[in-house]
Amino acid sequence: MNGTAIENFVCVIFNVSFMNCTWHVGRTASEDTQYFLYWKTSEREDFSGCQNYIKDNFGRHTGCRFRNVTIERKRAHFLVNGSRSGQNVQSYEKKIFLYEIEKLTPPLNVTVNCTEASHSCEIRWQPPRTSHVKKHTCFKYEIVIESKDNPDKNIKTSSKTETSIPGNSFIFGSFSAEKRYSVKLRATDNGCLVSTSWGEWSTPVEFGKEQLTSTSSHTLFLIPVLTTSLVLFLFVVSIYLKKTSATVPQPRNLFHEVSSADFQVCFLSICLKFVVNKDPLQSQRYDLSVSKVHRR
């Protein structure tokens, strides 16, 4: 029986309530050896067996997947036993505080607000999601800021790392409007029942030169387009008014249906549509609508 017990037993809680436990088969375990995992989170409970095993190429159980795991202050008791050729193999037992094996999710809602005049940016975020910790003060953070002199070629020129940051904000005091930056964060314990291992990195958030340039370029493009469209509108309306004013109105039924004329003028991808009321008994009315043409 020596060497038949499992080895390298590891459990990890991730995405708040999912847990995977894995192990290696015993050094002397044969291909027909099979293992079974049981666990409980209280001494007053009975052991419950795994419902979703991970298997190797021989069909042997080498892990288990769990859902809806709650951490709180629970200490879990794991037991793995097995059999081969009708005989029992060595069992394995381990007790673990569940909060110690949690892989923290990334910090949430990372935002950056820069002020060019003060050459600084305020970076803000929310704590990672957990099933048992509600206080913001239970976490501290590591933040990495990378700067790029040439964002078009994606060349990283320098990086700045700050660790053990409390709270949910950080002032970056070396901002230059001529550079492109990215920032990412991860969390760890700050004196509560939280894993002391660093959690997952947040998705990098970019800020700086490229963002400012793209916004201003879009604005500069729209200004001449709208100005030109307005000039065209006034020109077409003036021509139409000259033609209608030269027409002698004919007697018509006072209860006739009011007719109208509509036409549109397009410039680049923007169209102006005009609706002109032709009822001589009413004041002239002009309706203007703007639509964008989708070209194929």
Protein backbone atom coordinates (compact mmCIF):
# COMPACT_ATOMS: atom_id res chain seq x y z
CA MET A 1 0.00 0.00 0.00
CA ASN A 2 2.96 2.34 0.41
CA GLY A 3 3.06 4.98 -2.32
CA THR A 4 -0.57 4.52 -3.35
CA ALA A 5 -1.91 7.67 -1.63
CA ILE A 6 -2.40 10.78 -3.73
CA GLU A 7 0.28 13.49 -3.82
CA ASN A 8 0.42 17.26 -4.39
CA PHE A 9 -3.16 17.94 -3.27
CA VAL A 10 -4.09 21.58 -4.11
CA CYS A 11 -7.38 23.47 -3.97
CA VAL A 12 -8.10 26.95 -5.39
CA ILE A 13 -11.25 29.08 -5.08
CA PHE A 14 -11.77 31.46 -8.02
CA ASN A 15 -14.52 33.70 -9.45
CA VAL A 16 -15.95 34.08 -5.93
CA SER A 17 -17.70 30.69 -5.61
CA PHE A 18 -15.94 28.12 -7.84
CA MET A 19 -13.35 25.69 -6.47
CA ASN A 20 -11.03 23.19 -8.14
CA CYS A 21 -9.09 20.54 -6.23
CA THR A 22 -6.41 18.53 -8.02
CA TRP A 23 -3.86 15.86 -7.12
CA HIS A 24 -1.34 13.43 -8.59
CA VAL A 25 -1.86 9.68 -8.39
CA GLY A 26 0.37 7.75 -6.00
CA ARG A 27 3.87 6.80 -7.11
CA THR A 28 3.07 3.09 -7.03
CA ALA A 29 -0.57 3.39 -8.13
CA SER A 30 -1.54 1.05 -10.97
CA GLU A 31 -3.71 1.96 -13.93
CA ASP A 32 -6.78 0.42 -12.30
CA THR A 33 -6.42 2.52 -9.13
CA GLN A 34 -9.38 4.80 -8.53
CA TYR A 35 -9.64 7.70 -6.07
CA PHE A 36 -12.66 9.33 -4.42
CA LEU A 37 -12.82 12.77 -2.79
CA TYR A 38 -15.02 13.64 0.22
CA TRP A 39 -15.22 16.92 2.09
CA LYS A 40 -17.14 18.90 4.74
CA THR A 41 -16.93 22.42 6.20
CA SER A 42 -18.03 21.66 9.75
CA GLU A 43 -17.31 18.91 12.26
CA ARG A 44 -21.05 18.58 12.77
CA GLU A 45 -21.59 17.71 9.10
CA ASP A 46 -21.20 14.41 7.31
CA PHE A 47 -18.74 14.05 4.44
CA SER A 48 -20.17 14.58 0.95
CA GLY A 49 -18.63 13.13 -2.18
CA CYS A 50 -17.42 14.88 -5.31
CA GLN A 51 -20.02 15.18 -8.09
CA ASN A 52 -17.79 16.36 -10.95
CA TYR A 53 -14.44 14.56 -11.23
CA ILE A 54 -11.45 15.44 -13.40
CA LYS A 55 -9.92 12.33 -15.01
CA ASP A 56 -6.60 11.37 -16.59
CA ASN A 57 -6.04 9.26 -19.73
CA PHE A 58 -6.62 6.05 -17.75
CA GLY A 59 -9.94 7.25 -16.35
CA ARG A 60 -8.49 7.74 -12.88
CA HIS A 61 -9.86 10.62 -10.81
CA THR A 62 -7.22 13.34 -10.49
CA GLY A 63 -9.36 16.27 -9.36
CA CYS A 64 -12.80 17.64 -8.59
CA ARG A 65 -14.76 20.76 -9.58
CA PHE A 66 -17.09 22.49 -7.11
CA ARG A 67 -19.69 25.25 -7.47
CA ASN A 68 -21.50 27.55 -5.03
CA VAL A 69 -18.71 27.44 -2.46
CA THR A 70 -19.06 29.95 0.40
CA ILE A 71 -15.99 30.92 2.39
CA GLU A 72 -16.95 32.87 5.53
CA ARG A 73 -14.79 31.54 8.41
CA LYS A 74 -15.06 27.93 7.35
CA ARG A 75 -12.29 25.37 7.72
CA ALA A 76 -12.77 22.56 5.22
CA HIS A 77 -11.83 18.94 5.86
CA PHE A 78 -10.82 16.95 2.76
CA LEU A 79 -10.49 13.17 2.54
CA VAL A 80 -9.29 11.21 -0.51
CA ASN A 81 -9.33 7.42 -0.45
CA GLY A 82 -9.49 4.78 -3.16
CA SER A 83 -9.10 1.18 -4.21
CA ARG A 84 -7.35 -1.03 -6.77
CA SER A 85 -8.09 -4.60 -7.70
CA GLY A 86 -10.67 -4.72 -4.93
CA GLN A 87 -8.21 -3.57 -2.26
CA ASN A 88 -8.11 -0.23 -0.45
CA VAL A 89 -5.25 2.20 -1.02
CA GLN A 90 -3.74 4.68 1.41
CA SER A 91 -6.06 7.56 2.28
CA TYR A 92 -5.12 11.24 2.37
CA GLU A 93 -6.55 13.95 4.67
CA LYS A 94 -6.08 17.71 4.83
CA LYS A 95 -7.78 20.64 6.63
CA ILE A 96 -7.75 24.08 5.00
CA PHE A 97 -9.17 27.51 5.85
CA LEU A 98 -11.05 28.33 2.67
CA TYR A 99 -10.17 32.05 2.63
CA GLU A 100 -6.47 31.11 2.39
CA ILE A 101 -6.93 29.36 -0.98
CA GLU A 102 -9.02 32.05 -2.68
CA LYS A 103 -7.63 33.64 -5.85
CA LEU A 104 -8.96 37.20 -5.64
CA THR A 105 -10.75 38.58 -8.69
CA PRO A 106 -9.35 41.76 -10.31
CA PRO A 107 -10.25 45.18 -8.86
CA LEU A 108 -13.40 46.53 -10.54
CA ASN A 109 -14.30 49.72 -12.46
CA VAL A 110 -10.81 51.11 -12.95
CA THR A 111 -11.04 54.73 -14.20
CA VAL A 112 -8.47 57.46 -14.91
CA ASN A 113 -9.08 61.22 -14.80
CA CYS A 114 -6.13 63.39 -15.89
CA THR A 115 -5.53 67.12 -15.53
CA GLU A 116 -2.92 68.43 -17.94
CA ALA A 117 -2.41 71.67 -16.03
CA SER A 118 -1.30 69.86 -12.87
CA HIS A 119 0.47 67.04 -14.75
CA SER A 120 -1.37 64.46 -12.64
CA CYS A 121 -4.03 61.77 -12.95
CA GLU A 122 -6.41 60.33 -10.38
CA ILE A 123 -6.82 56.56 -10.74
CA ARG A 124 -9.87 55.09 -8.99
CA TRP A 125 -11.24 51.54 -8.62
CA GLN A 126 -13.56 49.29 -6.63
CA PRO A 127 -12.49 46.27 -4.50
CA PRO A 128 -12.50 42.74 -5.92
CA ARG A 129 -15.63 40.61 -5.49
CA THR A 130 -15.65 38.09 -2.66
CA SER A 131 -18.31 36.06 -0.86
CA HIS A 132 -17.23 36.93 2.68
CA VAL A 133 -15.50 40.35 2.82
CA LYS A 134 -17.46 43.61 2.57
CA LYS A 135 -15.02 46.19 4.02
CA HIS A 136 -12.93 48.18 1.52
CA THR A 137 -10.16 48.45 4.10
CA CYS A 138 -9.55 44.69 3.97
CA PHE A 139 -7.55 45.04 0.73
CA LYS A 140 -4.34 46.65 -0.38
CA TYR A 141 -3.19 46.95 -3.98
CA GLU A 142 -0.29 46.79 -6.36
CA ILE A 143 -0.47 49.20 -9.30
CA VAL A 144 1.68 49.18 -12.46
CA ILE A 145 1.74 52.17 -14.83
CA GLU A 146 3.53 51.84 -18.17
CA SER A 147 4.33 54.77 -20.47
CA LYS A 148 4.99 54.69 -24.20
CA ASP A 149 6.78 57.42 -26.13
CA ASN A 150 5.60 55.95 -29.44
CA PRO A 151 2.07 54.50 -29.02
CA ASP A 152 1.76 53.76 -32.77
CA LYS A 153 4.59 51.21 -32.52
CA ASN A 154 3.47 50.04 -29.05
CA ILE A 155 6.96 50.64 -27.63
CA LYS A 156 7.15 50.56 -23.83
CA THR A 157 9.73 53.03 -22.58
CA SER A 158 9.26 52.92 -18.81
CA SER A 159 7.12 51.52 -16.02
CA LYS A 160 6.22 52.54 -12.48
CA THR A 161 5.16 50.04 -9.80
CA GLU A 162 3.60 50.93 -6.45
CA THR A 163 2.76 48.25 -3.86
CA SER A 164 0.81 48.19 -0.59
CA ILE A 165 -1.56 50.97 -1.64
CA PRO A 166 -4.54 51.26 0.77
CA GLY A 167 -7.90 52.72 -0.18
CA ASN A 168 -9.45 52.93 -3.63
CA SER A 169 -7.54 55.72 -5.37
CA PHE A 170 -4.03 56.74 -6.37
CA ILE A 171 -2.56 60.00 -7.69
CA PHE A 172 -0.14 59.56 -10.59
CA GLY A 173 1.97 62.73 -10.52
CA SER A 174 4.15 62.31 -13.61
CA PHE A 175 1.54 62.68 -16.36
CA SER A 176 2.64 64.10 -19.73
CA ALA A 177 0.07 64.84 -22.43
CA GLU A 178 2.62 63.81 -25.07
CA LYS A 179 2.76 60.18 -23.88
CA ARG A 180 0.44 57.19 -23.91
CA TYR A 181 -0.04 55.21 -20.67
CA SER A 182 -1.65 52.02 -19.41
CA VAL A 183 -2.50 51.02 -15.83
CA LYS A 184 -3.40 47.69 -14.19
CA LEU A 185 -3.99 46.62 -10.57
CA ARG A 186 -4.29 43.54 -8.36
CA ALA A 187 -5.27 43.04 -4.72
CA THR A 188 -4.20 41.14 -1.62
CA ASP A 189 -4.96 40.96 2.12
CA ASN A 190 -4.69 44.01 4.36
CA GLY A 191 -5.20 42.40 7.77
CA CYS A 192 -8.53 40.58 7.32
CA LEU A 193 -9.54 36.98 6.53
CA VAL A 194 -8.28 37.32 2.95
CA SER A 195 -5.71 35.32 1.01
CA THR A 196 -2.20 36.72 1.35
CA SER A 197 -1.42 35.76 -2.26
CA TRP A 198 -1.79 38.42 -4.94
CA GLY A 199 -5.02 38.21 -6.93
CA GLU A 200 -5.63 38.47 -10.66
CA TRP A 201 -4.55 41.54 -12.65
CA SER A 202 -7.21 43.89 -13.93
CA THR A 203 -7.50 44.50 -17.67
CA PRO A 204 -5.08 47.33 -18.61
CA VAL A 205 -6.75 50.73 -19.00
CA GLU A 206 -5.08 53.11 -21.46
CA PHE A 207 -5.01 56.89 -21.19
CA GLY A 208 -3.03 59.84 -22.55
CA LYS A 209 -2.04 61.11 -25.99
CA GLU A 210 -4.01 58.82 -28.32
CA GLN A 211 -7.29 59.32 -26.50
CA LEU A 212 -7.05 63.11 -26.56
CA THR A 213 -6.03 63.16 -30.23
CA SER A 214 -8.86 60.94 -31.42
CA THR A 215 -11.49 63.07 -29.63
CA SER A 216 -10.22 66.38 -31.01
CA SER A 217 -9.87 65.00 -34.54
CA HIS A 218 -13.47 63.79 -34.52
CA THR A 219 -14.66 67.22 -33.39
CA LEU A 220 -12.60 69.05 -36.02
CA PHE A 221 -14.07 66.83 -38.73
CA LEU A 222 -17.68 67.46 -37.72
CA ILE A 223 -17.41 71.26 -37.61
CA PRO A 224 -16.76 71.86 -41.35
CA VAL A 225 -19.25 69.18 -42.36
CA LEU A 226 -22.09 70.73 -40.37
CA THR A 227 -21.16 74.25 -41.51
CA THR A 228 -21.17 73.25 -45.19
CA SER A 229 -24.49 71.43 -44.77
CA LEU A 230 -26.08 74.52 -43.24
CA VAL A 231 -24.90 76.70 -46.13
CA LEU A 232 -26.37 74.23 -48.64
CA PHE A 233 -29.64 74.23 -46.73
CA LEU A 234 -29.99 78.02 -46.87
CA PHE A 235 -29.06 78.08 -50.56
CA VAL A 236 -31.66 75.44 -51.56
CA VAL A 237 -34.40 77.09 -49.50
CA SER A 238 -33.74 80.49 -51.08
CA ILE A 239 -34.03 79.01 -54.61
CA TYR A 240 -37.25 77.21 -53.72
CA LEU A 241 -38.81 80.37 -52.26
CA LYS A 242 -38.03 82.31 -55.44
CA LYS A 243 -39.82 79.70 -57.57
CA THR A 244 -42.89 79.45 -55.35
CA SER A 245 -43.25 83.22 -55.01
CA ALA A 246 -43.42 83.58 -58.83
CA THR A 247 -46.29 81.09 -59.13
CA VAL A 248 -49.85 82.56 -59.34
CA PRO A 249 -52.05 80.68 -56.88
CA GLN A 250 -55.19 79.09 -58.35
CA PRO A 251 -58.59 79.08 -56.64
CA ARG A 252 -59.01 75.93 -54.65
CA ASN A 253 -61.39 74.30 -52.25
CA LEU A 254 -61.00 75.55 -48.72
CA PHE A 255 -61.38 71.97 -47.52
CA HIS A 256 -58.74 70.53 -49.78
CA GLU A 257 -55.95 68.35 -48.35
CA VAL A 258 -52.84 70.36 -47.70
CA SER A 259 -49.98 69.23 -49.91
CA SER A 260 -46.33 69.61 -49.22
CA ALA A 261 -43.03 69.21 -51.00
CA ASP A 262 -40.05 67.46 -49.53
CA PHE A 263 -36.51 67.05 -50.74
CA GLN A 264 -33.10 66.30 -49.29
CA VAL A 265 -29.52 67.42 -49.82
CA CYS A 266 -26.64 65.12 -48.98
CA PHE A 267 -23.04 66.05 -48.24
CA LEU A 268 -20.55 63.26 -47.52
CA SER A 269 -22.36 60.96 -45.07
CA ILE A 270 -24.89 63.50 -43.75
CA CYS A 271 -28.24 64.28 -45.44
CA LEU A 272 -30.55 67.24 -44.75
CA LYS A 273 -34.23 66.59 -45.51
CA PHE A 274 -36.57 69.58 -46.03
CA VAL A 275 -40.39 69.54 -45.92
CA VAL A 276 -42.02 72.77 -47.18
CA ASN A 277 -45.74 73.41 -46.70
CA LYS A 278 -47.35 74.63 -49.93
CA ASP A 279 -50.70 75.68 -48.50
CA PRO A 280 -51.24 79.37 -49.44
CA LEU A 281 -53.80 79.73 -46.65
CA GLN A 282 -51.22 79.04 -44.01
CA SER A 283 -47.87 80.54 -43.21
CA GLN A 284 -44.87 78.95 -44.86
CA ARG A 285 -43.48 76.13 -42.69
CA TYR A 286 -40.15 74.35 -43.04
CA ASP A 287 -39.26 71.12 -41.32
CA LEU A 288 -35.64 70.02 -41.19
CA SER A 289 -34.35 66.57 -40.29
CA VAL A 290 -30.80 65.28 -40.39
CA SER A 291 -29.94 61.66 -41.15
CA LYS A 292 -26.72 59.80 -41.68
CA VAL A 293 -26.24 57.74 -44.82
CA HIS A 294 -24.65 54.32 -44.41
CA ARG A 295 -22.58 53.63 -47.49
CA ARG A 296 -21.73 50.07 -48.54
